[in-house]
Amino acid sequence: MSSLNLNKVVLCGRLTADPELKQTTSGIAVVSFTLAVNRRYQAKNTDGTQAQQQADFISVVAWRQTAEFISRYFRKGSALCVTGSIQTRSWQDAQGQKRYATEVVADEAMFVDSKNEGGVGGQYTADTYNAPSYSSSPAAAPKFEELKTDDDLPF
């Protein structure tokens, strides 16, 4: 019998609200947010099938440096790509009812928009959030040596 187990999630969407960084009682950074991710499907109309979109709203939680990165550089409407895993948890509420939650625990978070696009109105820029800035000027581009012939290449 195979013992194959894989729990890997990749989501790219937009934040539905500003992420709010919190601290656990032991001082660990945590941020919870909802990511709106469009899902495409085919709908049958009277004049044939037509592609439609519907948004899914997915709960995500990030810890430590990933949480700090998200809270620092992303705002409501920002495009964000996260990788992580799906986890479920349960607890008893104040009325003694057992409650369940399923959420994505983000291990990594990445920019999707370019610095100039900036999600919603260029919200995360190097000036605003002290992010490193990168120059795209020709002077900053690396210099490459021109190959005269390709006879020495092994392929």
N, C-alpha and C. Protein backbone atom coordinates (compact mmCIF):
# COMPACT_ATOMS: atom_id res chain seq x y z
N MET A 1 0.84 -1.18 0.00
CA MET A 1 0.00 0.00 0.00
C MET A 1 0.88 1.24 0.00
N SER A 2 0.52 2.18 -0.81
CA SER A 2 1.27 3.42 -0.93
C SER A 2 0.95 4.37 0.22
N SER A 3 1.94 5.09 0.67
CA SER A 3 1.71 6.08 1.73
C SER A 3 1.84 7.49 1.18
N LEU A 4 1.24 7.72 0.01
CA LEU A 4 1.31 9.02 -0.64
C LEU A 4 0.41 10.02 0.08
N ASN A 5 1.00 11.10 0.53
CA ASN A 5 0.26 12.20 1.15
C ASN A 5 0.78 13.49 0.57
N LEU A 6 -0.12 14.31 0.06
CA LEU A 6 0.27 15.59 -0.51
C LEU A 6 -0.79 16.62 -0.17
N ASN A 7 -0.38 17.70 0.41
CA ASN A 7 -1.29 18.78 0.76
C ASN A 7 -0.60 20.09 0.38
N LYS A 8 -0.78 20.50 -0.86
CA LYS A 8 -0.12 21.70 -1.39
C LYS A 8 -1.17 22.55 -2.09
N VAL A 9 -1.19 23.84 -1.77
CA VAL A 9 -2.16 24.77 -2.33
C VAL A 9 -1.40 25.95 -2.92
N VAL A 10 -1.82 26.37 -4.12
CA VAL A 10 -1.31 27.58 -4.74
C VAL A 10 -2.53 28.42 -5.10
N LEU A 11 -2.62 29.62 -4.56
CA LEU A 11 -3.75 30.52 -4.82
C LEU A 11 -3.23 31.88 -5.25
N CYS A 12 -3.86 32.44 -6.26
CA CYS A 12 -3.58 33.81 -6.67
C CYS A 12 -4.91 34.53 -6.75
N GLY A 13 -5.03 35.62 -6.03
CA GLY A 13 -6.27 36.38 -6.00
C GLY A 13 -6.03 37.77 -5.44
N ARG A 14 -7.11 38.37 -4.96
CA ARG A 14 -7.03 39.73 -4.40
C ARG A 14 -7.54 39.73 -2.97
N LEU A 15 -6.88 40.55 -2.14
CA LEU A 15 -7.29 40.69 -0.74
C LEU A 15 -8.63 41.39 -0.66
N THR A 16 -9.52 40.90 0.19
CA THR A 16 -10.84 41.52 0.35
C THR A 16 -10.83 42.62 1.40
N ALA A 17 -9.78 42.71 2.20
CA ALA A 17 -9.66 43.74 3.24
C ALA A 17 -8.18 43.92 3.57
N ASP A 18 -7.85 45.02 4.23
CA ASP A 18 -6.48 45.22 4.67
C ASP A 18 -6.11 44.14 5.68
N PRO A 19 -4.97 43.48 5.52
CA PRO A 19 -4.55 42.49 6.51
C PRO A 19 -4.13 43.18 7.80
N GLU A 20 -4.53 42.62 8.92
CA GLU A 20 -4.20 43.20 10.22
C GLU A 20 -3.28 42.26 10.98
N LEU A 21 -2.06 42.72 11.22
CA LEU A 21 -1.06 41.92 11.92
C LEU A 21 -1.41 41.86 13.40
N LYS A 22 -1.39 40.66 13.96
CA LYS A 22 -1.62 40.45 15.39
C LYS A 22 -0.48 39.64 15.96
N GLN A 23 -0.43 39.58 17.27
CA GLN A 23 0.59 38.82 17.98
C GLN A 23 -0.10 37.81 18.89
N THR A 24 0.45 36.59 18.95
CA THR A 24 -0.05 35.62 19.92
C THR A 24 0.45 36.05 21.31
N THR A 25 -0.02 35.38 22.34
CA THR A 25 0.43 35.73 23.70
C THR A 25 1.93 35.49 23.86
N SER A 26 2.49 34.60 23.04
CA SER A 26 3.94 34.36 23.12
C SER A 26 4.72 35.23 22.14
N GLY A 27 4.05 36.19 21.48
CA GLY A 27 4.72 37.15 20.63
C GLY A 27 4.94 36.74 19.18
N ILE A 28 4.27 35.70 18.71
CA ILE A 28 4.42 35.25 17.32
C ILE A 28 3.46 36.03 16.44
N ALA A 29 3.97 36.57 15.33
CA ALA A 29 3.17 37.35 14.40
C ALA A 29 2.23 36.43 13.62
N VAL A 30 0.97 36.87 13.46
CA VAL A 30 -0.02 36.12 12.71
C VAL A 30 -0.95 37.09 11.99
N VAL A 31 -1.36 36.74 10.78
CA VAL A 31 -2.31 37.55 10.04
C VAL A 31 -3.31 36.60 9.39
N SER A 32 -4.59 36.94 9.50
CA SER A 32 -5.66 36.19 8.84
C SER A 32 -6.32 37.11 7.83
N PHE A 33 -6.63 36.58 6.67
CA PHE A 33 -7.26 37.39 5.63
C PHE A 33 -8.05 36.49 4.70
N THR A 34 -8.85 37.13 3.86
CA THR A 34 -9.63 36.41 2.87
C THR A 34 -9.12 36.79 1.49
N LEU A 35 -8.92 35.78 0.66
CA LEU A 35 -8.44 35.98 -0.70
C LEU A 35 -9.59 35.66 -1.65
N ALA A 36 -9.93 36.62 -2.51
CA ALA A 36 -10.96 36.41 -3.53
C ALA A 36 -10.28 35.86 -4.77
N VAL A 37 -10.69 34.65 -5.17
CA VAL A 37 -10.09 33.96 -6.31
C VAL A 37 -11.19 33.66 -7.32
N ASN A 38 -11.02 34.11 -8.55
CA ASN A 38 -12.02 33.86 -9.59
C ASN A 38 -11.94 32.41 -10.06
N ARG A 39 -13.12 31.83 -10.29
CA ARG A 39 -13.23 30.48 -10.82
C ARG A 39 -14.06 30.55 -12.09
N ARG A 40 -13.55 29.97 -13.16
CA ARG A 40 -14.27 29.98 -14.43
C ARG A 40 -15.09 28.70 -14.57
N TYR A 41 -16.22 28.81 -15.22
CA TYR A 41 -17.05 27.66 -15.52
C TYR A 41 -17.88 27.95 -16.76
N GLN A 42 -18.43 26.90 -17.34
CA GLN A 42 -19.25 27.03 -18.53
C GLN A 42 -20.72 27.03 -18.11
N ALA A 43 -21.46 28.05 -18.52
CA ALA A 43 -22.88 28.14 -18.22
C ALA A 43 -23.66 27.95 -19.51
N LYS A 44 -24.75 27.21 -19.42
CA LYS A 44 -25.58 27.01 -20.61
C LYS A 44 -26.63 28.10 -20.67
N ASN A 45 -26.62 28.82 -21.76
CA ASN A 45 -27.61 29.85 -22.02
C ASN A 45 -28.52 29.37 -23.15
N THR A 46 -29.55 30.11 -23.42
CA THR A 46 -30.46 29.73 -24.50
C THR A 46 -29.77 29.77 -25.85
N ASP A 47 -28.73 30.58 -25.98
CA ASP A 47 -28.02 30.67 -27.25
C ASP A 47 -26.69 29.92 -27.23
N GLY A 48 -26.53 28.93 -26.35
CA GLY A 48 -25.31 28.13 -26.29
C GLY A 48 -24.58 28.32 -24.97
N THR A 49 -23.42 27.69 -24.86
CA THR A 49 -22.64 27.81 -23.64
C THR A 49 -21.81 29.09 -23.66
N GLN A 50 -21.58 29.60 -22.49
CA GLN A 50 -20.83 30.84 -22.36
C GLN A 50 -19.96 30.74 -21.12
N ALA A 51 -18.71 31.20 -21.22
CA ALA A 51 -17.80 31.19 -20.08
C ALA A 51 -18.26 32.21 -19.05
N GLN A 52 -18.28 31.81 -17.81
CA GLN A 52 -18.68 32.67 -16.70
C GLN A 52 -17.58 32.66 -15.64
N GLN A 53 -17.60 33.64 -14.76
CA GLN A 53 -16.68 33.68 -13.64
C GLN A 53 -17.47 33.87 -12.35
N GLN A 54 -16.96 33.25 -11.31
CA GLN A 54 -17.53 33.43 -9.99
C GLN A 54 -16.37 33.47 -9.00
N ALA A 55 -16.47 34.32 -8.02
CA ALA A 55 -15.39 34.46 -7.04
C ALA A 55 -15.61 33.51 -5.87
N ASP A 56 -14.55 32.85 -5.47
CA ASP A 56 -14.54 32.07 -4.23
C ASP A 56 -13.76 32.89 -3.21
N PHE A 57 -14.22 32.91 -1.98
CA PHE A 57 -13.59 33.67 -0.91
C PHE A 57 -12.96 32.68 0.05
N ILE A 58 -11.63 32.65 0.06
CA ILE A 58 -10.89 31.61 0.76
C ILE A 58 -10.15 32.21 1.95
N SER A 59 -10.35 31.60 3.12
CA SER A 59 -9.69 32.04 4.35
C SER A 59 -8.24 31.57 4.35
N VAL A 60 -7.34 32.51 4.67
CA VAL A 60 -5.91 32.21 4.69
C VAL A 60 -5.33 32.76 5.99
N VAL A 61 -4.39 32.03 6.56
CA VAL A 61 -3.66 32.50 7.74
C VAL A 61 -2.17 32.34 7.46
N ALA A 62 -1.39 33.33 7.89
CA ALA A 62 0.06 33.28 7.72
C ALA A 62 0.71 33.59 9.07
N TRP A 63 1.87 33.00 9.30
CA TRP A 63 2.57 33.14 10.57
C TRP A 63 3.96 33.74 10.36
N ARG A 64 4.49 34.28 11.41
CA ARG A 64 5.87 34.77 11.52
C ARG A 64 6.26 35.74 10.40
N GLN A 65 7.37 35.48 9.71
CA GLN A 65 7.88 36.42 8.70
C GLN A 65 6.90 36.57 7.53
N THR A 66 6.21 35.51 7.17
CA THR A 66 5.23 35.60 6.08
C THR A 66 4.10 36.54 6.47
N ALA A 67 3.66 36.47 7.71
CA ALA A 67 2.60 37.37 8.20
C ALA A 67 3.08 38.82 8.18
N GLU A 68 4.30 39.06 8.62
CA GLU A 68 4.84 40.41 8.63
C GLU A 68 4.97 40.95 7.21
N PHE A 69 5.42 40.12 6.27
CA PHE A 69 5.56 40.53 4.88
C PHE A 69 4.20 40.92 4.29
N ILE A 70 3.20 40.10 4.50
CA ILE A 70 1.86 40.38 3.95
C ILE A 70 1.28 41.66 4.54
N SER A 71 1.38 41.82 5.85
CA SER A 71 0.80 43.01 6.48
C SER A 71 1.54 44.28 6.08
N ARG A 72 2.78 44.16 5.74
CA ARG A 72 3.57 45.34 5.39
C ARG A 72 3.37 45.80 3.94
N TYR A 73 3.25 44.86 3.01
CA TYR A 73 3.26 45.22 1.60
C TYR A 73 1.93 45.10 0.86
N PHE A 74 0.90 44.57 1.48
CA PHE A 74 -0.36 44.34 0.78
C PHE A 74 -1.51 45.05 1.46
N ARG A 75 -2.46 45.50 0.66
CA ARG A 75 -3.65 46.19 1.14
C ARG A 75 -4.88 45.63 0.42
N LYS A 76 -6.03 46.06 0.83
CA LYS A 76 -7.28 45.63 0.21
C LYS A 76 -7.20 45.83 -1.30
N GLY A 77 -7.53 44.79 -2.06
CA GLY A 77 -7.50 44.85 -3.51
C GLY A 77 -6.17 44.46 -4.12
N SER A 78 -5.12 44.34 -3.31
CA SER A 78 -3.82 43.94 -3.84
C SER A 78 -3.86 42.51 -4.34
N ALA A 79 -3.20 42.28 -5.47
CA ALA A 79 -3.07 40.92 -5.99
C ALA A 79 -1.97 40.22 -5.21
N LEU A 80 -2.24 38.99 -4.81
CA LEU A 80 -1.33 38.24 -3.95
C LEU A 80 -1.38 36.78 -4.36
N CYS A 81 -0.22 36.13 -4.37
CA CYS A 81 -0.15 34.70 -4.64
C CYS A 81 0.45 34.04 -3.41
N VAL A 82 -0.21 33.02 -2.89
CA VAL A 82 0.28 32.30 -1.71
C VAL A 82 0.41 30.82 -2.04
N THR A 83 1.38 30.18 -1.40
CA THR A 83 1.50 28.73 -1.43
C THR A 83 1.46 28.25 0.01
N GLY A 84 0.88 27.10 0.21
CA GLY A 84 0.77 26.57 1.56
C GLY A 84 0.03 25.25 1.57
N SER A 85 -0.71 25.01 2.64
CA SER A 85 -1.46 23.77 2.79
C SER A 85 -2.83 24.05 3.40
N ILE A 86 -3.75 23.12 3.19
CA ILE A 86 -5.09 23.23 3.77
C ILE A 86 -5.07 22.57 5.14
N GLN A 87 -5.63 23.25 6.11
CA GLN A 87 -5.74 22.68 7.46
C GLN A 87 -7.15 22.87 7.97
N THR A 88 -7.60 21.93 8.77
CA THR A 88 -8.89 22.05 9.44
C THR A 88 -8.64 22.07 10.94
N ARG A 89 -9.50 22.75 11.63
CA ARG A 89 -9.42 22.80 13.10
C ARG A 89 -10.83 22.83 13.66
N SER A 90 -10.95 22.47 14.91
CA SER A 90 -12.27 22.47 15.56
C SER A 90 -12.14 23.02 16.97
N TRP A 91 -13.23 23.54 17.50
CA TRP A 91 -13.28 24.09 18.84
C TRP A 91 -14.73 24.10 19.31
N GLN A 92 -14.92 24.35 20.59
CA GLN A 92 -16.27 24.49 21.14
C GLN A 92 -16.56 25.95 21.35
N ASP A 93 -17.72 26.40 20.87
CA ASP A 93 -18.09 27.80 21.05
C ASP A 93 -18.69 28.00 22.45
N ALA A 94 -19.11 29.22 22.73
CA ALA A 94 -19.63 29.58 24.06
C ALA A 94 -20.89 28.77 24.43
N GLN A 95 -21.65 28.33 23.44
CA GLN A 95 -22.86 27.54 23.69
C GLN A 95 -22.57 26.04 23.75
N GLY A 96 -21.29 25.65 23.66
CA GLY A 96 -20.92 24.25 23.74
C GLY A 96 -21.03 23.50 22.42
N GLN A 97 -21.32 24.22 21.34
CA GLN A 97 -21.41 23.59 20.02
C GLN A 97 -20.01 23.42 19.43
N LYS A 98 -19.79 22.29 18.77
CA LYS A 98 -18.51 22.07 18.12
C LYS A 98 -18.51 22.81 16.79
N ARG A 99 -17.49 23.63 16.56
CA ARG A 99 -17.34 24.41 15.33
C ARG A 99 -16.10 23.93 14.59
N TYR A 100 -16.14 24.08 13.26
CA TYR A 100 -15.04 23.67 12.41
C TYR A 100 -14.64 24.82 11.49
N ALA A 101 -13.38 24.85 11.14
CA ALA A 101 -12.88 25.83 10.17
C ALA A 101 -11.87 25.13 9.28
N THR A 102 -11.95 25.45 8.00
CA THR A 102 -10.97 24.98 7.03
C THR A 102 -10.32 26.22 6.44
N GLU A 103 -9.00 26.26 6.43
CA GLU A 103 -8.28 27.43 5.94
C GLU A 103 -6.97 27.01 5.32
N VAL A 104 -6.43 27.91 4.52
CA VAL A 104 -5.12 27.70 3.93
C VAL A 104 -4.09 28.33 4.86
N VAL A 105 -3.07 27.58 5.21
CA VAL A 105 -1.95 28.11 5.99
C VAL A 105 -0.85 28.43 5.00
N ALA A 106 -0.56 29.71 4.83
CA ALA A 106 0.39 30.17 3.82
C ALA A 106 1.82 30.01 4.32
N ASP A 107 2.62 29.34 3.51
CA ASP A 107 4.05 29.21 3.80
C ASP A 107 4.84 30.31 3.09
N GLU A 108 4.35 30.71 1.91
CA GLU A 108 5.02 31.74 1.11
C GLU A 108 3.98 32.70 0.56
N ALA A 109 4.38 33.94 0.35
CA ALA A 109 3.52 34.95 -0.28
C ALA A 109 4.36 35.71 -1.29
N MET A 110 3.76 35.99 -2.45
CA MET A 110 4.50 36.64 -3.52
C MET A 110 3.69 37.76 -4.14
N PHE A 111 4.40 38.77 -4.64
CA PHE A 111 3.78 39.83 -5.41
C PHE A 111 3.29 39.26 -6.74
N VAL A 112 2.17 39.76 -7.22
CA VAL A 112 1.67 39.39 -8.54
C VAL A 112 1.77 40.58 -9.47
N ASP A 113 1.34 41.75 -9.02
CA ASP A 113 1.40 42.97 -9.81
C ASP A 113 2.82 43.50 -9.83
N SER A 114 3.16 44.22 -10.89
CA SER A 114 4.45 44.89 -10.91
C SER A 114 4.39 46.09 -9.98
N LYS A 115 5.54 46.63 -9.66
CA LYS A 115 5.60 47.79 -8.77
C LYS A 115 4.79 48.95 -9.33
N ASN A 116 4.82 49.14 -10.65
CA ASN A 116 4.08 50.25 -11.27
C ASN A 116 2.59 50.02 -11.29
N GLU A 117 2.14 48.74 -11.39
CA GLU A 117 0.71 48.45 -11.36
C GLU A 117 0.17 48.64 -9.96
N GLY A 118 0.91 48.12 -8.97
CA GLY A 118 0.62 48.38 -7.58
C GLY A 118 -0.72 47.95 -7.06
N GLY A 119 -1.34 46.93 -7.62
CA GLY A 119 -2.60 46.46 -7.07
C GLY A 119 -3.67 47.50 -7.25
N VAL A 120 -3.97 48.22 -6.21
CA VAL A 120 -4.99 49.26 -6.27
C VAL A 120 -4.30 50.60 -6.12
N GLY A 121 -4.11 51.29 -7.22
CA GLY A 121 -3.54 52.63 -7.19
C GLY A 121 -2.11 52.70 -6.72
N GLY A 122 -1.31 51.65 -6.97
CA GLY A 122 0.11 51.68 -6.60
C GLY A 122 0.32 51.73 -5.11
N GLN A 123 -0.44 50.97 -4.34
CA GLN A 123 -0.39 51.08 -2.89
C GLN A 123 0.91 50.61 -2.27
N TYR A 124 1.52 49.57 -2.80
CA TYR A 124 2.76 49.13 -2.18
C TYR A 124 3.92 49.53 -3.07
N THR A 125 4.62 50.56 -2.63
CA THR A 125 5.77 51.05 -3.35
C THR A 125 6.97 51.06 -2.41
N ALA A 126 8.14 51.17 -2.98
CA ALA A 126 9.36 51.19 -2.18
C ALA A 126 9.35 52.37 -1.21
N ASP A 127 8.85 53.53 -1.67
CA ASP A 127 8.84 54.71 -0.81
C ASP A 127 7.89 54.54 0.37
N THR A 128 6.73 53.97 0.12
CA THR A 128 5.72 53.85 1.17
C THR A 128 6.10 52.84 2.24
N TYR A 129 6.65 51.71 1.80
CA TYR A 129 6.87 50.62 2.75
C TYR A 129 8.34 50.24 2.91
N ASN A 130 9.25 51.10 2.46
CA ASN A 130 10.69 50.86 2.58
C ASN A 130 11.13 49.55 1.93
N ALA A 131 10.46 49.17 0.86
CA ALA A 131 10.84 47.97 0.13
C ALA A 131 12.05 48.30 -0.73
N PRO A 132 12.84 47.28 -1.06
CA PRO A 132 13.97 47.56 -1.95
C PRO A 132 13.45 47.96 -3.32
N SER A 133 14.11 48.92 -3.94
CA SER A 133 13.70 49.34 -5.28
C SER A 133 14.72 48.80 -6.27
N TYR A 134 14.23 48.49 -7.45
CA TYR A 134 15.08 47.93 -8.48
C TYR A 134 15.00 48.82 -9.70
N SER A 135 16.13 49.13 -10.26
CA SER A 135 16.20 50.01 -11.42
C SER A 135 16.12 49.18 -12.68
N SER A 136 15.37 49.67 -13.65
CA SER A 136 15.30 48.98 -14.94
C SER A 136 16.04 49.78 -16.01
N SER A 137 16.91 50.69 -15.58
CA SER A 137 17.66 51.50 -16.54
C SER A 137 18.73 50.64 -17.21
N PRO A 138 19.09 50.97 -18.46
CA PRO A 138 20.11 50.19 -19.17
C PRO A 138 21.45 50.19 -18.43
N ALA A 139 21.77 51.25 -17.71
CA ALA A 139 23.04 51.31 -17.00
C ALA A 139 23.11 50.27 -15.90
N ALA A 140 21.95 49.92 -15.31
CA ALA A 140 21.93 48.97 -14.21
C ALA A 140 21.85 47.53 -14.70
N ALA A 141 21.60 47.34 -15.99
CA ALA A 141 21.49 45.99 -16.54
C ALA A 141 22.85 45.32 -16.54
N PRO A 142 22.89 44.01 -16.28
CA PRO A 142 24.18 43.32 -16.28
C PRO A 142 24.77 43.27 -17.69
N LYS A 143 26.09 43.28 -17.75
CA LYS A 143 26.79 43.21 -19.03
C LYS A 143 27.04 41.74 -19.36
N PHE A 144 26.70 41.35 -20.59
CA PHE A 144 26.91 39.99 -21.03
C PHE A 144 27.96 39.99 -22.14
N GLU A 145 28.76 38.95 -22.14
CA GLU A 145 29.80 38.82 -23.15
C GLU A 145 29.20 38.22 -24.41
N GLU A 146 29.47 38.84 -25.54
CA GLU A 146 28.98 38.36 -26.83
C GLU A 146 29.83 37.17 -27.27
N LEU A 147 29.17 36.07 -27.63
CA LEU A 147 29.88 34.90 -28.13
C LEU A 147 30.06 35.03 -29.63
N LYS A 148 31.29 34.82 -30.08
CA LYS A 148 31.58 34.93 -31.51
C LYS A 148 31.08 33.71 -32.26
N THR A 149 31.35 32.53 -31.73
CA THR A 149 30.88 31.28 -32.34
C THR A 149 30.31 30.40 -31.25
N ASP A 150 29.52 29.45 -31.65
CA ASP A 150 28.97 28.52 -30.68
C ASP A 150 29.53 27.12 -30.87
N ASP A 151 30.73 27.00 -31.47
CA ASP A 151 31.34 25.70 -31.73
C ASP A 151 31.74 24.98 -30.45
N ASP A 152 32.03 25.72 -29.38
CA ASP A 152 32.50 25.10 -28.15
C ASP A 152 31.36 24.70 -27.22
N LEU A 153 30.12 25.00 -27.58
CA LEU A 153 29.00 24.66 -26.73
C LEU A 153 28.75 23.15 -26.78
N PRO A 154 28.46 22.51 -25.65
CA PRO A 154 28.31 21.05 -25.60
C PRO A 154 26.97 20.55 -26.15
N PHE A 155 26.10 21.41 -26.58
CA PHE A 155 24.80 20.95 -27.09
C PHE A 155 24.50 21.51 -28.43
